C-alpha atoms as a PDB file:
ATOM      1  CA  MET A   1       0.000   0.000   0.000  1.00  0.00           C
ATOM      2  CA  LEU A   2       1.239   3.480  -0.832  1.00  0.00           C
ATOM      3  CA  SER A   3       1.896   5.939   1.974  1.00  0.00           C
ATOM      4  CA  VAL A   4       0.588   9.518   2.041  1.00  0.00           C
ATOM      5  CA  LYS A   5       4.157  10.795   1.630  1.00  0.00           C
ATOM      6  CA  GLN A   6       4.640   8.705  -1.497  1.00  0.00           C
ATOM      7  CA  ILE A   7       1.328   9.913  -2.935  1.00  0.00           C
ATOM      8  CA  GLU A   8       2.230  13.558  -2.153  1.00  0.00           C
ATOM      9  CA  THR A   9       5.570  13.147  -3.900  1.00  0.00           C
ATOM     10  CA  PHE A  10       3.971  11.708  -7.034  1.00  0.00           C
ATOM     11  CA  TYR A  11       1.377  14.513  -7.016  1.00  0.00           C
ATOM     12  CA  TRP A  12       3.939  17.320  -6.798  1.00  0.00           C
ATOM     13  CA  VAL A  13       6.253  15.789  -9.416  1.00  0.00           C
ATOM     14  CA  ALA A  14       3.249  15.595 -11.747  1.00  0.00           C
ATOM     15  CA  LYS A  15       2.193  19.181 -10.987  1.00  0.00           C
ATOM     16  CA  LEU A  16       5.585  20.916 -10.870  1.00  0.00           C
ATOM     17  CA  GLY A  17       7.261  18.904 -13.626  1.00  0.00           C
ATOM     18  CA  THR A  18      10.511  17.857 -11.931  1.00  0.00           C
ATOM     19  CA  VAL A  19      11.625  15.799  -8.961  1.00  0.00           C
ATOM     20  CA  GLN A  20      13.752  18.692  -7.669  1.00  0.00           C
ATOM     21  CA  ARG A  21      10.824  21.124  -7.577  1.00  0.00           C
ATOM     22  CA  ALA A  22       8.693  18.519  -5.796  1.00  0.00           C
ATOM     23  CA  ALA A  23      11.486  17.928  -3.278  1.00  0.00           C
ATOM     24  CA  ASP A  24      11.791  21.662  -2.619  1.00  0.00           C
ATOM     25  CA  LYS A  25       8.027  21.925  -2.136  1.00  0.00           C
ATOM     26  CA  LEU A  26       7.993  19.012   0.329  1.00  0.00           C
ATOM     27  CA  HIS A  27      11.199  20.143   2.087  1.00  0.00           C
ATOM     28  CA  ILE A  28      12.993  16.862   1.436  1.00  0.00           C
ATOM     29  CA  THR A  29      16.117  15.917  -0.499  1.00  0.00           C
ATOM     30  CA  GLN A  30      15.970  15.090  -4.178  1.00  0.00           C
ATOM     31  CA  SER A  31      17.171  11.554  -3.446  1.00  0.00           C
ATOM     32  CA  ALA A  32      14.334  11.027  -0.943  1.00  0.00           C
ATOM     33  CA  ALA A  33      11.804  12.299  -3.494  1.00  0.00           C
ATOM     34  CA  THR A  34      13.280  10.023  -6.173  1.00  0.00           C
ATOM     35  CA  LYS A  35      13.034   7.004  -3.846  1.00  0.00           C
ATOM     36  CA  ARG A  36       9.374   7.744  -3.055  1.00  0.00           C
ATOM     37  CA  LEU A  37       8.568   8.178  -6.736  1.00  0.00           C
ATOM     38  CA  GLN A  38      10.295   4.904  -7.593  1.00  0.00           C
ATOM     39  CA  ASP A  39       8.186   3.153  -4.955  1.00  0.00           C
ATOM     40  CA  VAL A  40       5.002   4.589  -6.472  1.00  0.00           C
ATOM     41  CA  GLU A  41       5.955   3.524  -9.981  1.00  0.00           C
ATOM     42  CA  ALA A  42       7.003   0.043  -8.776  1.00  0.00           C
ATOM     43  CA  LYS A  43       3.527  -0.532  -7.326  1.00  0.00           C
ATOM     44  CA  SER A  44       1.639   0.772 -10.370  1.00  0.00           C
ATOM     45  CA  ALA A  45       0.435  -1.565 -13.088  1.00  0.00           C
ATOM     46  CA  ALA A  46       1.868   0.580 -15.886  1.00  0.00           C
ATOM     47  CA  PRO A  47       4.362   3.455 -16.377  1.00  0.00           C
ATOM     48  CA  LEU A  48       3.150   6.750 -14.883  1.00  0.00           C
ATOM     49  CA  PHE A  49       5.561   9.080 -16.713  1.00  0.00           C
ATOM     50  CA  GLU A  50       6.679   9.174 -20.324  1.00  0.00           C
ATOM     51  CA  ALA A  51      10.291   8.187 -20.903  1.00  0.00           C
ATOM     52  CA  GLY A  52      12.829  10.899 -21.731  1.00  0.00           C
ATOM     53  CA  GLY A  53      12.550  14.680 -21.577  1.00  0.00           C
ATOM     54  CA  LYS A  54      13.626  17.121 -18.902  1.00  0.00           C
ATOM     55  CA  LYS A  55      10.082  17.694 -17.634  1.00  0.00           C
ATOM     56  CA  ALA A  56       7.983  14.865 -16.203  1.00  0.00           C
ATOM     57  CA  ARG A  57       5.016  14.156 -18.484  1.00  0.00           C
ATOM     58  CA  LEU A  58       2.231  11.835 -17.403  1.00  0.00           C
ATOM     59  CA  THR A  59       1.110   8.784 -19.344  1.00  0.00           C
ATOM     60  CA  ALA A  60      -2.595   7.939 -19.610  1.00  0.00           C
ATOM     61  CA  LYS A  61      -2.206   5.754 -16.512  1.00  0.00           C
ATOM     62  CA  GLY A  62      -0.402   8.626 -14.794  1.00  0.00           C
ATOM     63  CA  HIS A  63      -3.341  10.973 -15.423  1.00  0.00           C
ATOM     64  CA  GLU A  64      -5.706   8.401 -13.898  1.00  0.00           C
ATOM     65  CA  MET A  65      -3.418   8.117 -10.895  1.00  0.00           C
ATOM     66  CA  LEU A  66      -3.214  11.901 -10.547  1.00  0.00           C
ATOM     67  CA  THR A  67      -7.020  12.231 -10.450  1.00  0.00           C
ATOM     68  CA  LEU A  68      -7.226   9.649  -7.662  1.00  0.00           C
ATOM     69  CA  CYS A  69      -4.397  11.329  -5.740  1.00  0.00           C
ATOM     70  CA  GLU A  70      -6.023  14.759  -5.989  1.00  0.00           C
ATOM     71  CA  SER A  71      -9.242  13.459  -4.461  1.00  0.00           C
ATOM     72  CA  LEU A  72      -7.438  11.600  -1.689  1.00  0.00           C
ATOM     73  CA  LEU A  73      -5.110  14.463  -0.774  1.00  0.00           C
ATOM     74  CA  ASP A  74      -7.985  16.935  -0.806  1.00  0.00           C
ATOM     75  CA  SER A  75      -9.865  14.796   1.723  1.00  0.00           C
ATOM     76  CA  ILE A  76      -6.766  14.401   3.872  1.00  0.00           C
ATOM     77  CA  GLY A  77      -6.168  18.154   3.740  1.00  0.00           C
ATOM     78  CA  ARG A  78      -9.703  18.937   4.873  1.00  0.00           C
ATOM     79  CA  LEU A  79      -9.457  16.501   7.795  1.00  0.00           C
ATOM     80  CA  GLN A  80      -6.078  17.929   8.784  1.00  0.00           C
ATOM     81  CA  ALA A  81      -7.318  21.539   8.680  1.00  0.00           C
ATOM     82  CA  TYR A  82     -10.391  20.850  10.801  1.00  0.00           C
ATOM     83  CA  ARG A  83      -8.393  18.752  13.246  1.00  0.00           C
ATOM     84  CA  ASP A  84      -5.820  21.524  13.594  1.00  0.00           C
ATOM     85  CA  ALA A  85      -8.596  24.094  14.099  1.00  0.00           C
ATOM     86  CA  ASP A  86     -10.074  22.012  16.919  1.00  0.00           C
ATOM     87  CA  ARG A  87      -6.695  21.476  18.557  1.00  0.00           C
ATOM     88  CA  HIS A  88      -5.596  25.090  18.034  1.00  0.00           C
ATOM     89  CA  VAL A  89      -2.414  23.973  16.289  1.00  0.00           C
ATOM     90  CA  ALA A  90      -0.235  26.966  15.419  1.00  0.00           C
ATOM     91  CA  ARG A  91       0.334  27.534  11.727  1.00  0.00           C
ATOM     92  CA  VAL A  92       1.709  30.266   9.466  1.00  0.00           C
ATOM     93  CA  VAL A  93      -0.467  31.014   6.424  1.00  0.00           C
ATOM     94  CA  GLN A  94       1.305  32.773   3.557  1.00  0.00           C
ATOM     95  CA  ILE A  95      -1.208  34.975   1.761  1.00  0.00           C
ATOM     96  CA  GLY A  96      -0.664  37.173  -1.286  1.00  0.00           C
ATOM     97  CA  LEU A  97      -2.569  40.386  -1.896  1.00  0.00           C
ATOM     98  CA  THR A  98      -2.499  43.364  -4.206  1.00  0.00           C
ATOM     99  CA  GLU A  99      -1.953  46.967  -3.190  1.00  0.00           C
ATOM    100  CA  LEU A 100      -5.667  47.810  -3.311  1.00  0.00           C
ATOM    101  CA  VAL A 101      -6.601  45.001  -0.914  1.00  0.00           C
ATOM    102  CA  ALA A 102      -3.760  45.931   1.443  1.00  0.00           C
ATOM    103  CA  LEU A 103      -4.857  49.579   1.570  1.00  0.00           C
ATOM    104  CA  THR A 104      -8.588  48.956   2.027  1.00  0.00           C
ATOM    105  CA  TRP A 105     -10.165  45.962   3.773  1.00  0.00           C
ATOM    106  CA  PHE A 106      -7.183  43.763   4.677  1.00  0.00           C
ATOM    107  CA  PRO A 107      -6.785  45.231   8.226  1.00  0.00           C
ATOM    108  CA  ALA A 108     -10.408  44.346   9.041  1.00  0.00           C
ATOM    109  CA  PHE A 109      -9.887  40.877   7.596  1.00  0.00           C
ATOM    110  CA  LEU A 110      -6.717  40.410   9.646  1.00  0.00           C
ATOM    111  CA  LYS A 111      -8.553  41.411  12.832  1.00  0.00           C
ATOM    112  CA  GLU A 112     -11.416  38.969  12.252  1.00  0.00           C
ATOM    113  CA  MET A 113      -9.058  36.142  11.339  1.00  0.00           C
ATOM    114  CA  HIS A 114      -7.136  36.667  14.576  1.00  0.00           C
ATOM    115  CA  GLU A 115     -10.360  36.610  16.594  1.00  0.00           C
ATOM    116  CA  LEU A 116     -11.676  33.447  14.927  1.00  0.00           C
ATOM    117  CA  PHE A 117      -8.409  31.547  14.501  1.00  0.00           C
ATOM    118  CA  PRO A 118      -5.876  32.847  17.051  1.00  0.00           C
ATOM    119  CA  HIS A 119      -3.613  29.864  16.300  1.00  0.00           C
ATOM    120  CA  LEU A 120      -3.152  30.998  12.683  1.00  0.00           C
ATOM    121  CA  THR A 121      -0.513  33.593  11.811  1.00  0.00           C
ATOM    122  CA  LEU A 122      -1.114  35.376   8.507  1.00  0.00           C
ATOM    123  CA  GLN A 123       2.060  36.344   6.661  1.00  0.00           C
ATOM    124  CA  PRO A 124       1.075  38.785   3.878  1.00  0.00           C
ATOM    125  CA  TYR A 125       2.997  39.360   0.650  1.00  0.00           C
ATOM    126  CA  VAL A 126       2.027  42.442  -1.360  1.00  0.00           C
ATOM    127  CA  ASP A 127       2.777  42.346  -5.092  1.00  0.00           C
ATOM    128  CA  MET A 128       1.216  42.598  -8.534  1.00  0.00           C
ATOM    129  CA  SER A 129      -1.469  40.068  -9.414  1.00  0.00           C
ATOM    130  CA  GLY A 130       0.652  38.238 -12.018  1.00  0.00           C
ATOM    131  CA  PRO A 131       3.561  37.251  -9.745  1.00  0.00           C
ATOM    132  CA  LEU A 132       1.180  36.357  -6.895  1.00  0.00           C
ATOM    133  CA  ARG A 133      -0.807  34.056  -9.189  1.00  0.00           C
ATOM    134  CA  GLU A 134       2.372  32.208 -10.180  1.00  0.00           C
ATOM    135  CA  GLN A 135       3.417  31.800  -6.543  1.00  0.00           C
ATOM    136  CA  VAL A 136       0.091  30.146  -5.723  1.00  0.00           C
ATOM    137  CA  ILE A 137       0.433  27.819  -8.709  1.00  0.00           C
ATOM    138  CA  ASP A 138       3.998  26.916  -7.680  1.00  0.00           C
ATOM    139  CA  GLY A 139       2.912  26.266  -4.105  1.00  0.00           C
ATOM    140  CA  ARG A 140       4.957  29.112  -2.622  1.00  0.00           C
ATOM    141  CA  LEU A 141       1.818  30.839  -1.291  1.00  0.00           C
ATOM    142  CA  ASP A 142      -1.055  29.137   0.503  1.00  0.00           C
ATOM    143  CA  LEU A 143      -3.600  31.600  -0.883  1.00  0.00           C
ATOM    144  CA  ALA A 144      -3.866  34.910  -2.730  1.00  0.00           C
ATOM    145  CA  ILE A 145      -6.575  37.533  -3.227  1.00  0.00           C
ATOM    146  CA  LEU A 146      -6.468  38.689  -6.838  1.00  0.00           C
ATOM    147  CA  PRO A 147      -8.540  40.521  -9.480  1.00  0.00           C
ATOM    148  CA  GLU A 148     -10.128  38.169 -12.029  1.00  0.00           C
ATOM    149  CA  PRO A 149      -7.161  35.799 -12.380  1.00  0.00           C
ATOM    150  CA  GLU A 150      -6.901  33.292 -15.229  1.00  0.00           C
ATOM    151  CA  LEU A 151      -6.299  29.928 -13.570  1.00  0.00           C
ATOM    152  CA  PRO A 152      -5.379  26.354 -14.486  1.00  0.00           C
ATOM    153  CA  ALA A 153      -7.820  23.602 -13.551  1.00  0.00           C
ATOM    154  CA  PHE A 154      -5.970  22.585 -10.387  1.00  0.00           C
ATOM    155  CA  VAL A 155      -6.449  25.999  -8.722  1.00  0.00           C
ATOM    156  CA  THR A 156      -9.692  26.858  -6.920  1.00  0.00           C
ATOM    157  CA  ARG A 157     -11.266  30.321  -6.962  1.00  0.00           C
ATOM    158  CA  VAL A 158     -13.799  31.730  -4.493  1.00  0.00           C
ATOM    159  CA  ALA A 159     -15.488  35.013  -5.504  1.00  0.00           C
ATOM    160  CA  LEU A 160     -15.221  37.651  -2.766  1.00  0.00           C
ATOM    161  CA  GLY A 161     -16.588  40.931  -4.147  1.00  0.00           C
ATOM    162  CA  SER A 162     -16.006  43.665  -6.702  1.00  0.00           C
ATOM    163  CA  ALA A 163     -14.072  46.923  -6.871  1.00  0.00           C
ATOM    164  CA  SER A 164     -15.069  49.955  -8.959  1.00  0.00           C
ATOM    165  CA  PHE A 165     -12.554  51.447 -11.393  1.00  0.00           C
ATOM    166  CA  ALA A 166     -12.769  54.705 -13.359  1.00  0.00           C
ATOM    167  CA  TRP A 167     -10.635  57.044 -15.441  1.00  0.00           C
ATOM    168  CA  PHE A 168      -9.054  59.918 -13.493  1.00  0.00           C
ATOM    169  CA  CYS A 169      -7.587  63.226 -14.668  1.00  0.00           C
ATOM    170  CA  ARG A 170      -6.421  66.498 -13.154  1.00  0.00           C
ATOM    171  CA  PRO A 171      -9.338  68.841 -12.331  1.00  0.00           C
ATOM    172  CA  GLY A 172     -10.587  70.687 -15.418  1.00  0.00           C
ATOM    173  CA  GLN A 173      -8.721  68.544 -17.953  1.00  0.00           C
ATOM    174  CA  PHE A 174     -12.104  67.300 -19.180  1.00  0.00           C
ATOM    175  CA  ASP A 175     -15.543  68.817 -18.682  1.00  0.00           C
ATOM    176  CA  GLY A 176     -16.898  67.146 -15.564  1.00  0.00           C
ATOM    177  CA  GLN A 177     -20.503  67.808 -16.627  1.00  0.00           C
ATOM    178  CA  ARG A 178     -20.487  65.603 -19.735  1.00  0.00           C
ATOM    179  CA  THR A 179     -19.659  62.093 -20.833  1.00  0.00           C
ATOM    180  CA  VAL A 180     -16.324  61.678 -22.602  1.00  0.00           C
ATOM    181  CA  SER A 181     -15.750  59.107 -25.360  1.00  0.00           C
ATOM    182  CA  LEU A 182     -12.746  56.811 -25.093  1.00  0.00           C
ATOM    183  CA  ARG A 183     -11.457  58.238 -28.368  1.00  0.00           C
ATOM    184  CA  GLU A 184     -11.441  61.725 -26.842  1.00  0.00           C
ATOM    185  CA  LEU A 185      -9.863  60.368 -23.670  1.00  0.00           C
ATOM    186  CA  GLY A 186      -7.094  58.855 -25.785  1.00  0.00           C
ATOM    187  CA  THR A 187      -5.974  62.267 -27.022  1.00  0.00           C
ATOM    188  CA  VAL A 188      -3.973  62.696 -23.793  1.00  0.00           C
ATOM    189  CA  PRO A 189      -1.257  60.361 -22.456  1.00  0.00           C
ATOM    190  CA  VAL A 190      -2.411  57.334 -20.454  1.00  0.00           C
ATOM    191  CA  ILE A 191      -0.377  56.567 -17.338  1.00  0.00           C
ATOM    192  CA  GLU A 192      -0.031  52.837 -16.750  1.00  0.00           C
ATOM    193  CA  GLN A 193       1.599  50.629 -14.172  1.00  0.00           C
ATOM    194  CA  VAL A 194       3.873  47.710 -15.071  1.00  0.00           C
ATOM    195  CA  PRO A 195       2.373  45.171 -17.550  1.00  0.00           C
ATOM    196  CA  VAL A 196       1.295  42.633 -14.862  1.00  0.00           C
ATOM    197  CA  SER A 197      -0.820  45.227 -13.013  1.00  0.00           C
ATOM    198  CA  ILE A 198      -4.623  45.042 -13.156  1.00  0.00           C
ATOM    199  CA  VAL A 199      -4.574  48.813 -13.814  1.00  0.00           C
ATOM    200  CA  THR A 200      -2.604  48.230 -17.018  1.00  0.00           C
ATOM    201  CA  ILE A 201      -4.451  45.072 -18.063  1.00  0.00           C
ATOM    202  CA  LEU A 202      -7.933  46.516 -17.538  1.00  0.00           C
ATOM    203  CA  GLY A 203      -7.038  49.890 -19.083  1.00  0.00           C
ATOM    204  CA  SER A 204      -5.582  48.252 -22.190  1.00  0.00           C
ATOM    205  CA  ARG A 205      -8.629  46.010 -22.500  1.00  0.00           C
ATOM    206  CA  VAL A 206     -11.028  48.965 -22.312  1.00  0.00           C
ATOM    207  CA  LEU A 207      -9.086  51.118 -24.792  1.00  0.00           C
ATOM    208  CA  GLU A 208      -8.455  48.308 -27.275  1.00  0.00           C
ATOM    209  CA  SER A 209     -12.165  47.454 -27.315  1.00  0.00           C
ATOM    210  CA  ALA A 210     -12.778  50.979 -28.615  1.00  0.00           C
ATOM    211  CA  GLY A 211      -9.885  50.890 -31.091  1.00  0.00           C
ATOM    212  CA  VAL A 212      -7.954  53.569 -29.179  1.00  0.00           C
ATOM    213  CA  ASP A 213      -4.155  53.521 -29.029  1.00  0.00           C
ATOM    214  CA  PRO A 214      -2.982  56.542 -26.971  1.00  0.00           C
ATOM    215  CA  GLU A 215       0.485  57.613 -25.911  1.00  0.00           C
ATOM    216  CA  ARG A 216       1.426  55.471 -22.914  1.00  0.00           C
ATOM    217  CA  ILE A 217       3.546  56.448 -19.903  1.00  0.00           C
ATOM    218  CA  CYS A 218       4.788  53.941 -17.322  1.00  0.00           C
ATOM    219  CA  GLY A 219       4.148  55.222 -13.809  1.00  0.00           C
ATOM    220  CA  GLY A 220       5.790  52.301 -11.985  1.00  0.00           C
ATOM    221  CA  ASN A 221       4.166  49.648  -9.830  1.00  0.00           C
ATOM    222  CA  ASN A 222       2.407  51.794  -7.229  1.00  0.00           C
ATOM    223  CA  ALA A 223      -1.182  52.993  -7.751  1.00  0.00           C
ATOM    224  CA  VAL A 224      -0.793  55.850  -5.266  1.00  0.00           C
ATOM    225  CA  ALA A 225       2.247  57.132  -7.184  1.00  0.00           C
ATOM    226  CA  VAL A 226       0.294  56.923 -10.440  1.00  0.00           C
ATOM    227  CA  GLY A 227      -2.469  58.955  -8.784  1.00  0.00           C
ATOM    228  CA  GLY A 228       0.109  61.614  -7.937  1.00  0.00           C
ATOM    229  CA  LEU A 229       1.138  61.838 -11.600  1.00  0.00           C
ATOM    230  CA  VAL A 230      -2.505  62.198 -12.606  1.00  0.00           C
ATOM    231  CA  ALA A 231      -3.024  64.999 -10.081  1.00  0.00           C
ATOM    232  CA  ALA A 232       0.074  66.723 -11.478  1.00  0.00           C
ATOM    233  CA  GLY A 233      -1.445  66.741 -14.971  1.00  0.00           C
ATOM    234  CA  VAL A 234       0.929  64.246 -16.591  1.00  0.00           C
ATOM    235  CA  GLY A 235      -1.958  62.278 -18.073  1.00  0.00           C
ATOM    236  CA  VAL A 236      -5.032  60.197 -17.295  1.00  0.00           C
ATOM    237  CA  SER A 237      -5.139  56.779 -15.676  1.00  0.00           C
ATOM    238  CA  LEU A 238      -7.564  54.003 -14.850  1.00  0.00           C
ATOM    239  CA  LEU A 239      -7.578  53.634 -11.059  1.00  0.00           C
ATOM    240  CA  PRO A 240      -9.671  52.096  -8.252  1.00  0.00           C
ATOM    241  CA  VAL A 241     -12.375  54.599  -7.303  1.00  0.00           C
ATOM    242  CA  ASP A 242     -12.413  53.961  -3.563  1.00  0.00           C
ATOM    243  CA  LEU A 243      -8.678  54.504  -3.225  1.00  0.00           C
ATOM    244  CA  PHE A 244      -8.916  58.088  -4.509  1.00  0.00           C
ATOM    245  CA  ARG A 245     -12.266  59.395  -3.230  1.00  0.00           C
ATOM    246  CA  LYS A 246     -10.555  61.786  -0.807  1.00  0.00           C
ATOM    247  CA  GLN A 247      -8.451  63.299  -3.600  1.00  0.00           C
ATOM    248  CA  VAL A 248     -11.596  63.830  -5.676  1.00  0.00           C
ATOM    249  CA  ARG A 249     -13.433  65.473  -2.774  1.00  0.00           C
ATOM    250  CA  SER A 250     -10.485  67.739  -2.031  1.00  0.00           C
ATOM    251  CA  GLY A 251     -10.246  68.829  -5.668  1.00  0.00           C
ATOM    252  CA  LEU A 252      -6.885  67.226  -6.392  1.00  0.00           C
ATOM    253  CA  MET A 253      -8.245  64.753  -8.955  1.00  0.00           C
ATOM    254  CA  GLN A 254     -11.331  64.371 -11.128  1.00  0.00           C
ATOM    255  CA  ILE A 255     -13.233  61.281 -12.257  1.00  0.00           C
ATOM    256  CA  VAL A 256     -13.907  61.214 -15.986  1.00  0.00           C
ATOM    257  CA  THR A 257     -17.347  59.885 -16.898  1.00  0.00           C
ATOM    258  CA  THR A 258     -16.760  57.762 -19.990  1.00  0.00           C
ATOM    259  CA  GLU A 259     -18.858  55.928 -22.549  1.00  0.00           C
ATOM    260  CA  PRO A 260     -18.658  53.022 -22.227  1.00  0.00           C
ATOM    261  CA  ALA A 261     -18.218  53.004 -18.466  1.00  0.00           C
ATOM    262  CA  VAL A 262     -15.507  50.860 -16.901  1.00  0.00           C
ATOM    263  CA  PRO A 263     -16.914  47.518 -15.674  1.00  0.00           C
ATOM    264  CA  PRO A 264     -16.372  46.503 -12.025  1.00  0.00           C
ATOM    265  CA  VAL A 265     -13.515  44.121 -11.291  1.00  0.00           C
ATOM    266  CA  ARG A 266     -14.215  40.927  -9.366  1.00  0.00           C
ATOM    267  CA  TYR A 267     -11.709  39.819  -6.724  1.00  0.00           C
ATOM    268  CA  ASP A 268     -11.204  36.121  -5.921  1.00  0.00           C
ATOM    269  CA  ALA A 269      -9.431  34.107  -3.272  1.00  0.00           C
ATOM    270  CA  ILE A 270      -7.359  31.452  -5.044  1.00  0.00           C
ATOM    271  CA  PHE A 271      -5.612  28.346  -3.699  1.00  0.00           C
ATOM    272  CA  LEU A 272      -4.547  24.899  -4.847  1.00  0.00           C
ATOM    273  CA  LYS A 273      -7.322  22.322  -4.897  1.00  0.00           C
ATOM    274  CA  GLN A 274      -5.359  19.794  -2.910  1.00  0.00           C
ATOM    275  CA  SER A 275      -3.195  20.495   0.116  1.00  0.00           C
ATOM    276  CA  HIS A 276      -4.800  23.877   0.885  1.00  0.00           C
ATOM    277  CA  SER A 277      -8.496  23.285   0.094  1.00  0.00           C
ATOM    278  CA  ALA A 278      -9.946  23.158   3.615  1.00  0.00           C
ATOM    279  CA  LEU A 279      -7.753  26.010   4.805  1.00  0.00           C
ATOM    280  CA  GLY A 280      -8.497  27.986   1.644  1.00  0.00           C
ATOM    281  CA  TYR A 281     -12.261  27.761   2.068  1.00  0.00           C
ATOM    282  CA  MET A 282     -11.998  28.732   5.753  1.00  0.00           C
ATOM    283  CA  VAL A 283      -9.919  31.820   4.950  1.00  0.00           C
ATOM    284  CA  ALA A 284     -12.004  32.730   1.880  1.00  0.00           C
ATOM    285  CA  ASP A 285     -15.195  32.645   3.939  1.00  0.00           C
ATOM    286  CA  VAL A 286     -13.805  35.324   6.270  1.00  0.00           C
ATOM    287  CA  ALA A 287     -12.424  37.313   3.328  1.00  0.00           C
ATOM    288  CA  ARG A 288     -15.851  37.323   1.647  1.00  0.00           C
ATOM    289  CA  ARG A 289     -17.424  38.877   4.746  1.00  0.00           C
ATOM    290  CA  CYS A 290     -14.705  41.537   5.015  1.00  0.00           C
ATOM    291  CA  CYS A 291     -14.339  42.361   1.306  1.00  0.00           C
ATOM    292  CA  ASN A 292     -15.292  46.044   1.119  1.00  0.00           C
ATOM    293  CA  PHE A 293     -13.054  48.338  -0.907  1.00  0.00           C
ATOM    294  CA  SER A 294     -14.634  51.545   0.409  1.00  0.00           C
ATOM    295  CA  LEU A 295     -12.413  53.529   2.775  1.00  0.00           C
ATOM    296  CA  ASP A 296     -15.463  55.322   4.179  1.00  0.00           C
ATOM    297  CA  THR A 297     -16.621  52.345   6.258  1.00  0.00           C
END
């Protein structure tokens, strides 16, 4: 009979593509991972991996085995998470979040998590959505809260809520009493963040849908800094509404009413289906209750 450790090793080799990556994920030596994998293959009725190649590729039998392992490890993970919750076992949870989440509702979420699960320590990592997504897929983060991520089948998403985005300009740059077309908006430079930012991705999507290709300026990887450039009159930018309401009220920035309007952006909690499923659903449930991007509440 296969042990849980052997099954875990097969699973991570299949998911990460190499024995070394699986060993790093499981915090064991490469030789130990190789031995476990050899034991799994010895007990299987047919080869699990295709011969040759630098990256491990599953055979048809290997895919069948992977499906069974995913279900088993998911069940084991759920039992482990609930057992740990009952026993108040201390654990560090590595969670990724974007700048907008960190600056709005994350403190309230952190407070509620501490009250409900005092044995859990949340270790946040703030970055762009693209790198955070990859760290969840690679198993380096337990969970991340991201805007509308594109995910492979082995990653679970739980919808949390939506954030409003709009185009911003310096006061008076556009008539605040009328609706501005995207073509007219594109006559001034558009300030973007780095390519993996939701600000850049969403802005490009909106402009391209209208056939607009404006002059583009990179404002770095910080939304607050981009807002400062907008207020200075460098150009316009697509930004989260709730993050800049105070600047609008104080007359430092102006929201541009556009046609079409910018659609809201959904934020999801994402985590691997096996290994972190029970924990992921527990954390996502609290995040859903706390998800409120407004700074006025």
